[in-house]
Amino acid sequence: MARKRRRESVPQEDLPEGCHHYDEVGEVPWDIQKYFHQRYNIFSRYDEGIWMTDDAWFGVTPEPVADKIADHLGNGTPPRKAILIDAFAGAGGNTIAFAKSGRWTRIYAIEKDPQALTCAKHNAEVYGVQDHISWYEGDCFEVIKNQLAEMGEYAVIFASPPWGGPGYRTDSIFNLSNMYPYNLIDLLGPFQEVTANVTLYLPRTSDLRQLTKSHKGDGKLVVVNYCMEGASKAICAYFGEILI
């Protein structure tokens, strides 16, 4: 598919603090250059003026993976579930994919980093989906508990949390109790108080036994391994009512 025409570059000094649009690899900090080389897999419309914080490059879901997750979640969730809550919106990769799908009556996207949130809002405008999304700045657990809990009956929570913690990159099986700053229990407990329909985007080496033990439903827990160009990128664990 042909890429969209490149927008005229905006000088960095005219962008909001912490937000960047790099045009050339020489502008990019060394530790994110490999992600910059993959920028069109991350956002296919990158050249139209996508903004990123430097930290966001490490956590954003590649667009083909985000689109497939949006397809699975949208088609596999009961129709009465019409609200999507993205608990860790980051620079907007998954949020934008959910909005593009047209499946949800409303999408509520939460991000505690104000600079990443600024990027996400702008990137949604690049994709033309900003009118489908309500944005919240703050801690996702507090926002969901205090402002969105009453929607739980009609909502699905999607969470792509930070993957910090020892062993994430080195262990053949990653212990989800060590994930930092939120481990598996930290995530599932508060979210499942609001809705049984929770989807977690997790490292590809996550311990499936831990996920299975955390499953409270009568049916089987659905876990999908998402790959791109022959390489495994991550898994999604779909808790609640989901048919894929």
C-alpha atoms as a PDB file:
ATOM      1  CA  MET A   1       0.000   0.000   0.000  1.00  0.00           C
ATOM      2  CA  ALA A   2       1.366   3.416  -0.985  1.00  0.00           C
ATOM      3  CA  ARG A   3       2.231   5.697   1.881  1.00  0.00           C
ATOM      4  CA  LYS A   4       0.447   8.970   2.324  1.00  0.00           C
ATOM      5  CA  ARG A   5       2.170  12.125   1.158  1.00  0.00           C
ATOM      6  CA  ARG A   6       4.686  13.498   3.633  1.00  0.00           C
ATOM      7  CA  ARG A   7       3.537  16.582   5.503  1.00  0.00           C
ATOM      8  CA  GLU A   8       5.807  19.572   5.623  1.00  0.00           C
ATOM      9  CA  SER A   9       8.008  19.030   8.649  1.00  0.00           C
ATOM     10  CA  VAL A  10       7.263  21.091  11.753  1.00  0.00           C
ATOM     11  CA  PRO A  11      10.380  22.471  13.473  1.00  0.00           C
ATOM     12  CA  GLN A  12      11.042  20.683  16.753  1.00  0.00           C
ATOM     13  CA  GLU A  13      10.917  23.955  18.659  1.00  0.00           C
ATOM     14  CA  ASP A  14       7.299  24.393  17.524  1.00  0.00           C
ATOM     15  CA  LEU A  15       6.175  21.013  18.904  1.00  0.00           C
ATOM     16  CA  PRO A  16       4.860  20.615  22.472  1.00  0.00           C
ATOM     17  CA  GLU A  17       7.473  19.816  25.089  1.00  0.00           C
ATOM     18  CA  GLY A  18       8.518  16.164  24.998  1.00  0.00           C
ATOM     19  CA  CYS A  19       6.840  15.467  21.645  1.00  0.00           C
ATOM     20  CA  HIS A  20       8.984  14.655  18.603  1.00  0.00           C
ATOM     21  CA  HIS A  21       8.640  13.893  14.923  1.00  0.00           C
ATOM     22  CA  TYR A  22      11.964  12.652  13.617  1.00  0.00           C
ATOM     23  CA  ASP A  23      12.552  12.818   9.860  1.00  0.00           C
ATOM     24  CA  GLU A  24      16.078  11.415   9.670  1.00  0.00           C
ATOM     25  CA  VAL A  25      17.837   8.717  11.668  1.00  0.00           C
ATOM     26  CA  GLY A  26      20.613  11.153  12.566  1.00  0.00           C
ATOM     27  CA  GLU A  27      18.117  13.104  14.681  1.00  0.00           C
ATOM     28  CA  VAL A  28      17.104  10.051  16.700  1.00  0.00           C
ATOM     29  CA  PRO A  29      18.643   9.054  20.061  1.00  0.00           C
ATOM     30  CA  TRP A  30      20.775   5.948  19.585  1.00  0.00           C
ATOM     31  CA  ASP A  31      18.674   3.704  21.843  1.00  0.00           C
ATOM     32  CA  ILE A  32      15.520   4.133  19.751  1.00  0.00           C
ATOM     33  CA  GLN A  33      17.050   4.114  16.283  1.00  0.00           C
ATOM     34  CA  LYS A  34      16.051   0.493  15.652  1.00  0.00           C
ATOM     35  CA  TYR A  35      12.440   1.442  16.353  1.00  0.00           C
ATOM     36  CA  PHE A  36      12.708   4.453  14.060  1.00  0.00           C
ATOM     37  CA  HIS A  37      13.703   2.102  11.237  1.00  0.00           C
ATOM     38  CA  GLN A  38      10.400   0.284  11.879  1.00  0.00           C
ATOM     39  CA  ARG A  39       8.347   3.480  12.024  1.00  0.00           C
ATOM     40  CA  TYR A  40       6.017   2.565   9.151  1.00  0.00           C
ATOM     41  CA  ASN A  41       5.139  -0.704  10.892  1.00  0.00           C
ATOM     42  CA  ILE A  42       4.405   1.254  14.052  1.00  0.00           C
ATOM     43  CA  PHE A  43       2.353   3.964  12.346  1.00  0.00           C
ATOM     44  CA  SER A  44       1.750   3.562   8.605  1.00  0.00           C
ATOM     45  CA  ARG A  45       0.936   7.281   8.411  1.00  0.00           C
ATOM     46  CA  TYR A  46       4.105   8.322  10.195  1.00  0.00           C
ATOM     47  CA  ASP A  47       5.081  10.774   7.454  1.00  0.00           C
ATOM     48  CA  GLU A  48       1.827  12.678   7.931  1.00  0.00           C
ATOM     49  CA  GLY A  49       3.156  14.107  11.162  1.00  0.00           C
ATOM     50  CA  ILE A  50       2.957  11.433  13.860  1.00  0.00           C
ATOM     51  CA  TRP A  51       4.272  12.621  17.226  1.00  0.00           C
ATOM     52  CA  MET A  52       6.068  10.407  19.736  1.00  0.00           C
ATOM     53  CA  THR A  53       7.814  10.825  23.043  1.00  0.00           C
ATOM     54  CA  ASP A  54      11.160   9.072  23.198  1.00  0.00           C
ATOM     55  CA  ASP A  55       9.799   6.620  25.775  1.00  0.00           C
ATOM     56  CA  ALA A  56       6.720   5.825  23.664  1.00  0.00           C
ATOM     57  CA  TRP A  57       8.811   4.116  20.970  1.00  0.00           C
ATOM     58  CA  PHE A  58       9.494   1.230  23.362  1.00  0.00           C
ATOM     59  CA  GLY A  59       5.850   0.480  24.165  1.00  0.00           C
ATOM     60  CA  VAL A  60       3.668   1.314  21.169  1.00  0.00           C
ATOM     61  CA  THR A  61       1.945  -1.664  19.511  1.00  0.00           C
ATOM     62  CA  PRO A  62       2.841  -2.049  15.811  1.00  0.00           C
ATOM     63  CA  GLU A  63      -0.124  -1.022  13.679  1.00  0.00           C
ATOM     64  CA  PRO A  64      -0.742  -4.427  11.998  1.00  0.00           C
ATOM     65  CA  VAL A  65      -0.829  -6.078  15.425  1.00  0.00           C
ATOM     66  CA  ALA A  66      -3.039  -3.355  16.889  1.00  0.00           C
ATOM     67  CA  ASP A  67      -5.443  -3.700  13.946  1.00  0.00           C
ATOM     68  CA  LYS A  68      -5.667  -7.476  14.387  1.00  0.00           C
ATOM     69  CA  ILE A  69      -6.305  -7.143  18.120  1.00  0.00           C
ATOM     70  CA  ALA A  70      -9.042  -4.600  17.372  1.00  0.00           C
ATOM     71  CA  ASP A  71     -10.582  -7.049  14.896  1.00  0.00           C
ATOM     72  CA  HIS A  72     -10.468  -9.958  17.351  1.00  0.00           C
ATOM     73  CA  LEU A  73     -11.832  -7.947  20.249  1.00  0.00           C
ATOM     74  CA  GLY A  74     -14.512  -6.255  18.199  1.00  0.00           C
ATOM     75  CA  ASN A  75     -15.818  -9.377  16.500  1.00  0.00           C
ATOM     76  CA  GLY A  76     -15.404 -11.691  19.472  1.00  0.00           C
ATOM     77  CA  THR A  77     -17.110  -9.602  22.143  1.00  0.00           C
ATOM     78  CA  PRO A  78     -20.912  -9.705  22.689  1.00  0.00           C
ATOM     79  CA  PRO A  79     -22.682  -6.805  20.930  1.00  0.00           C
ATOM     80  CA  ARG A  80     -24.038  -5.400  24.210  1.00  0.00           C
ATOM     81  CA  LYS A  81     -20.439  -4.568  25.135  1.00  0.00           C
ATOM     82  CA  ALA A  82     -20.241  -1.288  23.253  1.00  0.00           C
ATOM     83  CA  ILE A  83     -17.675   0.696  25.269  1.00  0.00           C
ATOM     84  CA  LEU A  84     -13.907   0.190  25.061  1.00  0.00           C
ATOM     85  CA  ILE A  85     -11.637   1.455  27.837  1.00  0.00           C
ATOM     86  CA  ASP A  86      -7.937   1.619  26.923  1.00  0.00           C
ATOM     87  CA  ALA A  87      -6.209   1.759  30.287  1.00  0.00           C
ATOM     88  CA  PHE A  88      -2.670   2.556  29.062  1.00  0.00           C
ATOM     89  CA  ALA A  89      -3.115   4.603  25.910  1.00  0.00           C
ATOM     90  CA  GLY A  90       0.506   5.657  25.446  1.00  0.00           C
ATOM     91  CA  ALA A  91       1.007   7.409  22.098  1.00  0.00           C
ATOM     92  CA  GLY A  92      -2.302   6.023  20.868  1.00  0.00           C
ATOM     93  CA  GLY A  93      -1.473   2.941  18.800  1.00  0.00           C
ATOM     94  CA  ASN A  94      -4.159   0.615  20.159  1.00  0.00           C
ATOM     95  CA  THR A  95      -6.635   3.415  20.844  1.00  0.00           C
ATOM     96  CA  ILE A  96      -6.493   4.485  17.189  1.00  0.00           C
ATOM     97  CA  ALA A  97      -6.935   0.897  15.980  1.00  0.00           C
ATOM     98  CA  PHE A  98     -10.040   0.468  18.146  1.00  0.00           C
ATOM     99  CA  ALA A  99     -11.458   3.736  16.820  1.00  0.00           C
ATOM    100  CA  LYS A 100     -10.737   2.796  13.197  1.00  0.00           C
ATOM    101  CA  SER A 101     -12.699  -0.431  13.633  1.00  0.00           C
ATOM    102  CA  GLY A 102     -15.980   1.430  14.080  1.00  0.00           C
ATOM    103  CA  ARG A 103     -17.113  -1.270  16.499  1.00  0.00           C
ATOM    104  CA  TRP A 104     -17.424   0.801  19.686  1.00  0.00           C
ATOM    105  CA  THR A 105     -20.006   3.413  20.616  1.00  0.00           C
ATOM    106  CA  ARG A 106     -17.309   5.235  22.585  1.00  0.00           C
ATOM    107  CA  ILE A 107     -13.652   4.723  23.430  1.00  0.00           C
ATOM    108  CA  TYR A 108     -12.227   6.023  26.695  1.00  0.00           C
ATOM    109  CA  ALA A 109      -8.434   6.304  26.604  1.00  0.00           C
ATOM    110  CA  ILE A 110      -6.383   6.886  29.767  1.00  0.00           C
ATOM    111  CA  GLU A 111      -2.738   7.944  30.005  1.00  0.00           C
ATOM    112  CA  LYS A 112      -0.896   9.355  33.003  1.00  0.00           C
ATOM    113  CA  ASP A 113       2.040  10.820  31.052  1.00  0.00           C
ATOM    114  CA  PRO A 114       0.801  14.225  29.826  1.00  0.00           C
ATOM    115  CA  GLN A 115       3.355  14.352  27.007  1.00  0.00           C
ATOM    116  CA  ALA A 116       2.395  10.908  25.695  1.00  0.00           C
ATOM    117  CA  LEU A 117      -1.257  11.914  25.959  1.00  0.00           C
ATOM    118  CA  THR A 118      -0.593  15.015  23.859  1.00  0.00           C
ATOM    119  CA  CYS A 119       0.999  12.781  21.226  1.00  0.00           C
ATOM    120  CA  ALA A 120      -1.909  10.330  21.320  1.00  0.00           C
ATOM    121  CA  LYS A 121      -4.494  13.076  20.814  1.00  0.00           C
ATOM    122  CA  HIS A 122      -2.541  14.487  17.873  1.00  0.00           C
ATOM    123  CA  ASN A 123      -2.005  11.043  16.322  1.00  0.00           C
ATOM    124  CA  ALA A 124      -5.735  10.324  16.520  1.00  0.00           C
ATOM    125  CA  GLU A 125      -6.265  13.504  14.519  1.00  0.00           C
ATOM    126  CA  VAL A 126      -3.773  12.292  11.898  1.00  0.00           C
ATOM    127  CA  TYR A 127      -5.905   9.147  11.486  1.00  0.00           C
ATOM    128  CA  GLY A 128      -9.160  11.116  11.574  1.00  0.00           C
ATOM    129  CA  VAL A 129     -10.653   9.242  14.544  1.00  0.00           C
ATOM    130  CA  GLN A 130     -10.419  11.887  17.279  1.00  0.00           C
ATOM    131  CA  ASP A 131     -14.192  12.335  17.509  1.00  0.00           C
ATOM    132  CA  HIS A 132     -14.647   8.717  18.663  1.00  0.00           C
ATOM    133  CA  ILE A 133     -12.350   9.014  21.676  1.00  0.00           C
ATOM    134  CA  SER A 134     -12.644  10.609  25.129  1.00  0.00           C
ATOM    135  CA  TRP A 135      -9.267  11.216  26.764  1.00  0.00           C
ATOM    136  CA  TYR A 136      -8.342  11.094  30.443  1.00  0.00           C
ATOM    137  CA  GLU A 137      -5.049  12.133  32.002  1.00  0.00           C
ATOM    138  CA  GLY A 138      -4.278  10.265  35.211  1.00  0.00           C
ATOM    139  CA  ASP A 139      -3.809   6.921  36.901  1.00  0.00           C
ATOM    140  CA  CYS A 140      -5.959   4.374  35.075  1.00  0.00           C
ATOM    141  CA  PHE A 141      -7.055   2.589  38.247  1.00  0.00           C
ATOM    142  CA  GLU A 142      -8.309   5.818  39.790  1.00  0.00           C
ATOM    143  CA  VAL A 143      -9.967   7.045  36.596  1.00  0.00           C
ATOM    144  CA  ILE A 144     -11.772   3.750  36.039  1.00  0.00           C
ATOM    145  CA  LYS A 145     -12.844   3.437  39.665  1.00  0.00           C
ATOM    146  CA  ASN A 146     -14.032   7.027  40.097  1.00  0.00           C
ATOM    147  CA  GLN A 147     -15.288   7.996  36.643  1.00  0.00           C
ATOM    148  CA  LEU A 148     -15.941   4.936  34.470  1.00  0.00           C
ATOM    149  CA  ALA A 149     -16.990   2.129  36.813  1.00  0.00           C
ATOM    150  CA  GLU A 150     -20.714   2.645  36.186  1.00  0.00           C
ATOM    151  CA  MET A 151     -20.124   1.689  32.550  1.00  0.00           C
ATOM    152  CA  GLY A 152     -18.727  -1.706  33.477  1.00  0.00           C
ATOM    153  CA  GLU A 153     -21.796  -3.666  32.394  1.00  0.00           C
ATOM    154  CA  TYR A 154     -21.313  -2.416  28.846  1.00  0.00           C
ATOM    155  CA  ALA A 155     -17.523  -2.118  28.790  1.00  0.00           C
ATOM    156  CA  VAL A 156     -14.410  -4.010  27.822  1.00  0.00           C
ATOM    157  CA  ILE A 157     -11.090  -2.997  29.371  1.00  0.00           C
ATOM    158  CA  PHE A 158      -7.973  -3.325  27.235  1.00  0.00           C
ATOM    159  CA  ALA A 159      -4.650  -2.909  29.008  1.00  0.00           C
ATOM    160  CA  SER A 160      -1.164  -2.799  27.525  1.00  0.00           C
ATOM    161  CA  PRO A 161       0.809  -2.170  30.724  1.00  0.00           C
ATOM    162  CA  PRO A 162       4.527  -1.438  31.081  1.00  0.00           C
ATOM    163  CA  TRP A 163       6.556  -4.629  30.864  1.00  0.00           C
ATOM    164  CA  GLY A 164       9.287  -3.719  33.327  1.00  0.00           C
ATOM    165  CA  GLY A 165      10.823  -6.169  35.759  1.00  0.00           C
ATOM    166  CA  PRO A 166      13.645  -8.691  35.955  1.00  0.00           C
ATOM    167  CA  GLY A 167      13.570 -11.422  33.349  1.00  0.00           C
ATOM    168  CA  TYR A 168      11.265  -9.802  30.830  1.00  0.00           C
ATOM    169  CA  ARG A 169      13.914  -9.857  28.094  1.00  0.00           C
ATOM    170  CA  THR A 170      15.975 -12.843  29.218  1.00  0.00           C
ATOM    171  CA  ASP A 171      13.759 -15.535  30.769  1.00  0.00           C
ATOM    172  CA  SER A 172      12.333 -18.214  28.505  1.00  0.00           C
ATOM    173  CA  ILE A 173       9.170 -18.047  30.652  1.00  0.00           C
ATOM    174  CA  PHE A 174       8.410 -14.664  32.166  1.00  0.00           C
ATOM    175  CA  ASN A 175       7.054 -14.625  35.717  1.00  0.00           C
ATOM    176  CA  LEU A 176       4.148 -12.174  35.631  1.00  0.00           C
ATOM    177  CA  SER A 177       4.444 -11.681  39.387  1.00  0.00           C
ATOM    178  CA  ASN A 178       7.696  -9.827  38.652  1.00  0.00           C
ATOM    179  CA  MET A 179       6.248  -7.467  36.066  1.00  0.00           C
ATOM    180  CA  TYR A 180       6.817  -3.861  37.138  1.00  0.00           C
ATOM    181  CA  PRO A 181       5.241  -1.508  38.151  1.00  0.00           C
ATOM    182  CA  TYR A 182       2.041  -3.587  37.886  1.00  0.00           C
ATOM    183  CA  ASN A 183       2.029  -7.357  38.151  1.00  0.00           C
ATOM    184  CA  LEU A 184      -0.759  -9.655  37.003  1.00  0.00           C
ATOM    185  CA  ILE A 185      -2.730  -9.417  40.255  1.00  0.00           C
ATOM    186  CA  ASP A 186      -2.334  -5.625  40.379  1.00  0.00           C
ATOM    187  CA  LEU A 187      -3.965  -5.427  36.949  1.00  0.00           C
ATOM    188  CA  LEU A 188      -6.683  -8.051  37.039  1.00  0.00           C
ATOM    189  CA  GLY A 189      -7.985  -7.327  40.529  1.00  0.00           C
ATOM    190  CA  PRO A 190      -9.136  -3.719  40.021  1.00  0.00           C
ATOM    191  CA  PHE A 191     -10.190  -4.214  36.406  1.00  0.00           C
ATOM    192  CA  GLN A 192     -12.329  -7.283  37.084  1.00  0.00           C
ATOM    193  CA  GLU A 193     -14.155  -5.413  39.839  1.00  0.00           C
ATOM    194  CA  VAL A 194     -15.561  -3.275  37.002  1.00  0.00           C
ATOM    195  CA  THR A 195     -16.037  -5.843  34.225  1.00  0.00           C
ATOM    196  CA  ALA A 196     -15.215  -9.492  33.593  1.00  0.00           C
ATOM    197  CA  ASN A 197     -14.195  -8.574  30.053  1.00  0.00           C
ATOM    198  CA  VAL A 198     -10.532  -7.661  30.393  1.00  0.00           C
ATOM    199  CA  THR A 199      -7.868  -8.083  27.722  1.00  0.00           C
ATOM    200  CA  LEU A 200      -4.182  -7.903  28.678  1.00  0.00           C
ATOM    201  CA  TYR A 201      -1.410  -7.292  26.146  1.00  0.00           C
ATOM    202  CA  LEU A 202       1.637  -9.052  27.572  1.00  0.00           C
ATOM    203  CA  PRO A 203       5.162 -10.253  26.735  1.00  0.00           C
ATOM    204  CA  ARG A 204       5.260 -13.232  24.369  1.00  0.00           C
ATOM    205  CA  THR A 205       7.098 -15.305  26.991  1.00  0.00           C
ATOM    206  CA  SER A 206       4.466 -14.777  29.715  1.00  0.00           C
ATOM    207  CA  ASP A 207       3.782 -17.759  31.966  1.00  0.00           C
ATOM    208  CA  LEU A 208       0.559 -19.264  30.634  1.00  0.00           C
ATOM    209  CA  ARG A 209       0.049 -21.236  33.837  1.00  0.00           C
ATOM    210  CA  GLN A 210      -0.239 -17.997  35.805  1.00  0.00           C
ATOM    211  CA  LEU A 211      -2.779 -16.677  33.325  1.00  0.00           C
ATOM    212  CA  THR A 212      -4.810 -19.885  33.503  1.00  0.00           C
ATOM    213  CA  LYS A 213      -4.884 -19.794  37.312  1.00  0.00           C
ATOM    214  CA  SER A 214      -6.167 -16.218  37.160  1.00  0.00           C
ATOM    215  CA  HIS A 215      -9.055 -17.152  34.878  1.00  0.00           C
ATOM    216  CA  LYS A 216     -12.386 -17.191  36.753  1.00  0.00           C
ATOM    217  CA  GLY A 217     -14.787 -18.010  33.929  1.00  0.00           C
ATOM    218  CA  ASP A 218     -16.474 -21.304  33.134  1.00  0.00           C
ATOM    219  CA  GLY A 219     -14.985 -21.607  29.647  1.00  0.00           C
ATOM    220  CA  LYS A 220     -11.408 -21.680  28.498  1.00  0.00           C
ATOM    221  CA  LEU A 221      -9.136 -18.671  28.666  1.00  0.00           C
ATOM    222  CA  VAL A 222      -8.351 -17.419  25.161  1.00  0.00           C
ATOM    223  CA  VAL A 223      -4.693 -16.520  24.602  1.00  0.00           C
ATOM    224  CA  VAL A 224      -3.497 -15.369  21.178  1.00  0.00           C
ATOM    225  CA  ASN A 225       0.122 -15.026  20.071  1.00  0.00           C
ATOM    226  CA  TYR A 226       0.503 -12.084  17.682  1.00  0.00           C
ATOM    227  CA  CYS A 227       3.284 -12.222  15.106  1.00  0.00           C
ATOM    228  CA  MET A 228       4.578  -9.867  12.450  1.00  0.00           C
ATOM    229  CA  GLU A 229       6.954 -10.762   9.617  1.00  0.00           C
ATOM    230  CA  GLY A 230       7.447 -14.215  11.144  1.00  0.00           C
ATOM    231  CA  ALA A 231       8.406 -12.972  14.594  1.00  0.00           C
ATOM    232  CA  SER A 232       6.308 -13.210  17.745  1.00  0.00           C
ATOM    233  CA  LYS A 233       5.601  -9.752  19.160  1.00  0.00           C
ATOM    234  CA  ALA A 234       3.298 -10.313  22.141  1.00  0.00           C
ATOM    235  CA  ILE A 235       0.312 -12.234  23.430  1.00  0.00           C
ATOM    236  CA  CYS A 236      -3.169 -11.135  24.411  1.00  0.00           C
ATOM    237  CA  ALA A 237      -5.043 -12.883  27.196  1.00  0.00           C
ATOM    238  CA  TYR A 238      -8.790 -12.425  26.720  1.00  0.00           C
ATOM    239  CA  PHE A 239     -10.653 -12.765  30.017  1.00  0.00           C
ATOM    240  CA  GLY A 240     -14.451 -12.879  30.048  1.00  0.00           C
ATOM    241  CA  GLU A 241     -16.853 -13.383  27.185  1.00  0.00           C
ATOM    242  CA  ILE A 242     -14.805 -13.596  24.014  1.00  0.00           C
ATOM    243  CA  LEU A 243     -15.010 -15.909  21.001  1.00  0.00           C
ATOM    244  CA  ILE A 244     -12.132 -15.872  18.534  1.00  0.00           C
END
